[in-house]
């Protein structure tokens, strides 16, 4: 049994509305806009070479997604119907039926490694600060933070904080029930502690480290792209576009 799960993942048969649409590569994409309100209209949950395969894949991926909501201590989204007047040409409404039982072992194994990242962008310093959430044996999420120096450890933390015995440099800031609670408390920690105590020199060193890492990572990515050109998997034009996307996250060819 995975951490903090008990039997909460064992949901019965559920039905969620979706739409299926053929993409430019003639594959069939399945979208769940009521399951993922922020991204479900634009990004498919799964796809298949045929409609039948796409829907079969959707049943499995829907079960994984619902189990993820429950594992994260979130309520399942309501299966609100998709209105036909919200659809455009080429979109076909489908109801996808799934349950936990057919995929139970796979889901349990998959969730063992589940974790999530929360971020805070320090606009003044143009730096993003990150923490990671891991589920503990009590079913809550330990929010772990490792972005601090030896000098900052004394300034940032007190007796209420504890280190992760497996990764001693990771300090457990707090334990929470949900991701939204984690984000709120992390924002407060950054604003009241990190930004208050971190020196200009520390910010500068972090920026240098980040730029050094990005340069090294870009070099690796460029080599991989060049190798794809050499073996004929992509054209020189496609390689140029990929390299531009590596160096400029805001760039989009489409």
Protein backbone atom coordinates (compact mmCIF):
# COMPACT_ATOMS: atom_id res chain seq x y z
CA UNK A 1 0.00 0.00 0.00
CA UNK A 2 1.36 3.40 -0.95
CA UNK A 3 1.76 6.18 1.57
CA UNK A 4 -1.36 7.72 3.04
CA UNK A 5 -3.73 5.96 0.67
CA UNK A 6 -5.75 3.50 2.72
CA UNK A 7 -8.71 2.66 0.44
CA UNK A 8 -9.48 6.14 -0.86
CA UNK A 9 -8.45 5.27 -4.41
CA UNK A 10 -10.98 2.48 -4.86
CA UNK A 11 -13.63 4.41 -6.80
CA UNK A 12 -16.51 2.71 -8.55
CA UNK A 13 -17.45 3.17 -12.19
CA UNK A 14 -17.47 6.84 -13.22
CA UNK A 15 -18.37 8.59 -16.45
CA UNK A 16 -16.82 11.84 -17.66
CA UNK A 17 -17.70 13.82 -20.78
CA UNK A 18 -14.99 14.37 -23.37
CA UNK A 19 -14.59 15.20 -27.01
CA UNK A 20 -12.49 13.51 -29.63
CA UNK A 21 -10.82 15.29 -32.53
CA UNK A 22 -8.53 14.21 -35.33
CA UNK A 23 -5.25 16.15 -35.33
CA UNK A 24 -2.97 17.23 -38.19
CA UNK A 25 -1.09 13.93 -38.01
CA UNK A 26 -4.39 12.05 -38.49
CA UNK A 27 -4.34 10.67 -34.96
CA UNK A 28 -7.33 11.01 -32.65
CA UNK A 29 -6.94 13.18 -29.54
CA UNK A 30 -9.26 12.94 -26.52
CA UNK A 31 -9.91 16.08 -24.45
CA UNK A 32 -11.51 16.42 -20.98
CA UNK A 33 -12.34 20.14 -20.52
CA UNK A 34 -14.57 19.63 -17.46
CA UNK A 35 -11.92 17.49 -15.77
CA UNK A 36 -9.17 20.05 -16.43
CA UNK A 37 -10.88 23.46 -16.76
CA UNK A 38 -7.64 25.41 -17.25
CA UNK A 39 -6.07 23.27 -19.97
CA UNK A 40 -8.57 20.62 -21.04
CA UNK A 41 -9.78 22.49 -24.13
CA UNK A 42 -6.26 22.93 -25.51
CA UNK A 43 -4.35 19.82 -24.47
CA UNK A 44 -5.55 16.23 -24.95
CA UNK A 45 -5.30 13.72 -22.14
CA UNK A 46 -4.42 10.96 -24.61
CA UNK A 47 -4.55 9.92 -28.25
CA UNK A 48 -4.79 6.88 -30.49
CA UNK A 49 -4.22 5.88 -34.10
CA UNK A 50 -7.95 5.14 -34.38
CA UNK A 51 -11.03 6.35 -32.49
CA UNK A 52 -11.38 2.96 -30.82
CA UNK A 53 -7.79 2.96 -29.58
CA UNK A 54 -8.06 6.59 -28.47
CA UNK A 55 -11.14 5.88 -26.36
CA UNK A 56 -9.53 2.74 -24.90
CA UNK A 57 -6.51 4.82 -23.89
CA UNK A 58 -8.82 7.51 -22.50
CA UNK A 59 -10.42 5.02 -20.10
CA UNK A 60 -7.04 4.13 -18.63
CA UNK A 61 -5.69 7.69 -18.49
CA UNK A 62 -8.94 8.93 -16.96
CA UNK A 63 -8.62 6.32 -14.19
CA UNK A 64 -5.02 7.44 -13.57
CA UNK A 65 -6.10 11.10 -13.42
CA UNK A 66 -8.98 10.46 -11.01
CA UNK A 67 -6.70 8.40 -8.75
CA UNK A 68 -4.24 11.29 -8.83
CA UNK A 69 -6.89 13.74 -7.62
CA UNK A 70 -7.77 11.46 -4.71
CA UNK A 71 -4.14 10.76 -3.86
CA UNK A 72 -3.54 14.51 -3.76
CA UNK A 73 -6.37 14.82 -1.20
CA UNK A 74 -8.54 16.68 -3.70
CA UNK A 75 -12.21 16.17 -4.45
CA UNK A 76 -13.05 14.65 -7.80
CA UNK A 77 -14.19 17.27 -10.33
CA UNK A 78 -17.87 17.10 -11.17
CA UNK A 79 -18.56 15.54 -14.59
CA UNK A 80 -20.27 18.67 -15.93
CA UNK A 81 -21.68 18.06 -19.44
CA UNK A 82 -20.00 19.72 -22.39
CA UNK A 83 -22.44 21.96 -24.22
CA UNK A 84 -22.71 21.20 -27.93
CA UNK A 85 -22.59 24.91 -28.80
CA UNK A 86 -19.08 25.03 -27.22
CA UNK A 87 -17.78 22.62 -29.83
CA UNK A 88 -16.30 23.56 -33.18
CA UNK A 89 -16.10 21.61 -36.40
CA UNK A 90 -14.38 18.24 -36.09
CA UNK A 91 -15.08 17.81 -32.35
CA UNK A 92 -17.19 14.76 -31.44
CA UNK A 93 -18.74 14.36 -27.99
CA UNK A 94 -18.06 11.07 -26.17
CA UNK A 95 -18.74 9.78 -22.66
CA UNK A 96 -15.77 7.92 -21.22
CA UNK A 97 -16.53 5.30 -18.58
CA UNK A 98 -13.82 4.03 -16.25
CA UNK A 99 -13.14 2.53 -12.83
CA UNK A 100 -10.15 1.94 -10.58
CA UNK A 101 -10.17 -1.85 -10.43
CA UNK A 102 -8.90 -2.75 -13.96
CA UNK A 103 -5.76 -0.62 -13.49
CA UNK A 104 -5.34 -0.94 -9.70
CA UNK A 105 -1.86 -2.48 -9.62
CA UNK A 106 -0.47 -0.14 -12.26
CA UNK A 107 -1.91 2.94 -10.55
CA UNK A 108 -0.63 1.91 -7.12
CA UNK A 109 2.86 1.45 -8.56
CA UNK A 110 2.69 4.74 -10.47
CA UNK A 111 1.60 6.75 -7.42
CA UNK A 112 4.54 5.54 -5.33
CA UNK A 113 6.68 8.12 -7.11
CA UNK A 114 4.12 10.91 -7.30
CA UNK A 115 5.29 14.33 -6.17
CA UNK A 116 4.72 17.89 -7.27
CA UNK A 117 6.59 21.17 -7.55
CA UNK A 118 5.47 24.57 -6.32
CA UNK A 119 7.10 27.80 -7.44
CA UNK A 120 7.50 31.42 -6.48
CA UNK A 121 8.85 33.96 -8.96
CA UNK A 122 10.87 36.70 -7.26
CA UNK A 123 10.26 39.40 -9.85
CA UNK A 124 12.74 41.89 -8.41
CA UNK A 125 15.59 39.39 -8.81
CA UNK A 126 14.21 37.56 -11.88
CA UNK A 127 14.63 34.23 -10.12
CA UNK A 128 12.23 31.35 -9.60
CA UNK A 129 12.28 29.56 -6.24
CA UNK A 130 11.03 26.00 -5.93
CA UNK A 131 9.89 23.52 -3.32
CA UNK A 132 8.79 19.90 -3.77
CA UNK A 133 5.92 18.05 -2.12
CA UNK A 134 6.18 14.38 -1.10
CA UNK A 135 3.42 12.46 0.65
CA UNK A 136 4.15 11.22 4.17
CA UNK A 137 2.85 8.20 6.09
CA UNK A 138 0.06 10.27 7.63
CA UNK A 139 -1.42 11.13 4.23
CA UNK A 140 -0.24 14.74 4.20
CA UNK A 141 2.29 16.40 1.92
CA UNK A 142 5.72 17.35 3.29
CA UNK A 143 6.91 20.48 1.51
CA UNK A 144 10.68 20.27 1.15
CA UNK A 145 13.04 23.14 0.39
CA UNK A 146 16.72 22.88 -0.46
CA UNK A 147 17.57 26.27 -1.97
CA UNK A 148 19.60 27.80 0.84
CA UNK A 149 23.24 28.25 1.83
CA UNK A 150 24.89 27.28 5.12
CA UNK A 151 24.70 30.89 6.26
CA UNK A 152 21.03 31.11 5.33
CA UNK A 153 20.14 27.95 7.25
CA UNK A 154 20.50 29.85 10.54
CA UNK A 155 18.43 32.77 9.24
CA UNK A 156 15.67 30.80 7.51
CA UNK A 157 14.83 28.01 9.92
CA UNK A 158 13.98 27.42 13.55
CA UNK A 159 13.13 24.45 15.78
CA UNK A 160 9.77 23.96 14.03
CA UNK A 161 11.57 22.84 10.88
CA UNK A 162 13.17 19.43 10.39
CA UNK A 163 15.45 17.89 7.81
CA UNK A 164 14.55 14.97 5.58
CA UNK A 165 16.69 12.06 6.87
CA UNK A 166 17.00 10.65 3.32
CA UNK A 167 18.09 14.00 1.82
CA UNK A 168 19.62 15.91 4.75
CA UNK A 169 19.93 19.18 2.85
CA UNK A 170 16.17 19.24 2.20
CA UNK A 171 14.38 21.09 4.99
CA UNK A 172 10.73 20.18 5.57
CA UNK A 173 9.02 23.56 5.83
CA UNK A 174 5.58 22.27 6.79
CA UNK A 175 3.06 19.51 6.11
CA UNK A 176 -0.25 20.26 4.39
CA UNK A 177 -3.36 18.53 3.13
CA UNK A 178 -3.67 20.04 -0.35
CA UNK A 179 -1.54 21.65 -3.04
CA UNK A 180 -3.35 25.01 -2.81
CA UNK A 181 -2.59 25.15 0.91
CA UNK A 182 1.06 24.36 0.14
CA UNK A 183 1.30 27.15 -2.42
CA UNK A 184 -0.19 29.71 -0.04
CA UNK A 185 2.14 28.80 2.81
CA UNK A 186 5.16 28.63 0.50
CA UNK A 187 4.42 32.12 -0.82
CA UNK A 188 4.34 33.40 2.76
CA UNK A 189 7.63 31.68 3.60
CA UNK A 190 9.39 33.20 0.58
CA UNK A 191 8.06 36.70 1.17
CA UNK A 192 8.53 36.80 4.95
CA UNK A 193 11.75 34.82 5.25
CA UNK A 194 13.76 34.29 2.06
CA UNK A 195 13.30 37.69 0.44
CA UNK A 196 13.71 39.39 3.79
CA UNK A 197 17.02 37.70 4.67
CA UNK A 198 18.68 36.75 1.37
CA UNK A 199 21.47 39.15 0.46
CA UNK A 200 22.08 40.71 -2.96
CA UNK A 201 25.25 38.64 -3.27
CA UNK A 202 23.29 35.42 -2.66
CA UNK A 203 20.80 36.36 -5.39
CA UNK A 204 23.66 37.11 -7.75
CA UNK A 205 25.38 33.78 -7.07
CA UNK A 206 22.14 31.92 -7.74
CA UNK A 207 21.70 33.73 -11.03
CA UNK A 208 25.26 32.81 -12.04
CA UNK A 209 24.63 29.15 -11.14
CA UNK A 210 21.37 29.12 -13.09
CA UNK A 211 22.95 30.63 -16.21
CA UNK A 212 25.84 28.16 -15.98
CA UNK A 213 23.39 25.25 -15.72
CA UNK A 214 21.30 26.56 -18.64
CA UNK A 215 24.40 26.90 -20.81
CA UNK A 216 25.47 23.33 -20.04
CA UNK A 217 21.95 22.00 -20.61
CA UNK A 218 21.61 23.87 -23.91
CA UNK A 219 24.89 22.35 -25.10
CA UNK A 220 23.56 18.86 -24.36
CA UNK A 221 20.25 19.60 -26.09
CA UNK A 222 21.98 21.04 -29.15
CA UNK A 223 24.13 17.91 -29.47
CA UNK A 224 21.01 15.70 -29.32
CA UNK A 225 19.31 17.80 -32.00
CA UNK A 226 22.39 17.67 -34.24
CA UNK A 227 22.51 13.89 -33.83
CA UNK A 228 18.89 13.66 -35.01
CA UNK A 229 19.83 15.63 -38.14
CA UNK A 230 22.80 13.33 -38.82
CA UNK A 231 20.64 10.20 -38.76
CA UNK A 232 17.94 11.84 -40.86
CA UNK A 233 15.15 11.97 -38.27
CA UNK A 234 14.68 15.73 -38.63
CA UNK A 235 15.63 18.37 -41.21
CA UNK A 236 18.04 21.27 -40.72
CA UNK A 237 15.05 23.65 -40.65
CA UNK A 238 13.37 21.59 -37.91
CA UNK A 239 16.64 21.53 -35.99
CA UNK A 240 16.89 25.32 -36.16
CA UNK A 241 13.35 25.65 -34.78
CA UNK A 242 14.08 23.21 -31.95
CA UNK A 243 17.26 25.07 -31.02
CA UNK A 244 15.33 28.34 -30.94
CA UNK A 245 12.75 26.75 -28.62
CA UNK A 246 15.56 25.54 -26.32
CA UNK A 247 17.08 29.01 -25.93
CA UNK A 248 13.81 30.97 -25.95
CA UNK A 249 10.94 29.35 -23.97
CA UNK A 250 8.50 31.99 -25.28
CA UNK A 251 9.26 31.19 -28.91
CA UNK A 252 6.64 29.29 -30.86
CA UNK A 253 6.82 28.42 -34.56
CA UNK A 254 3.06 27.90 -34.76
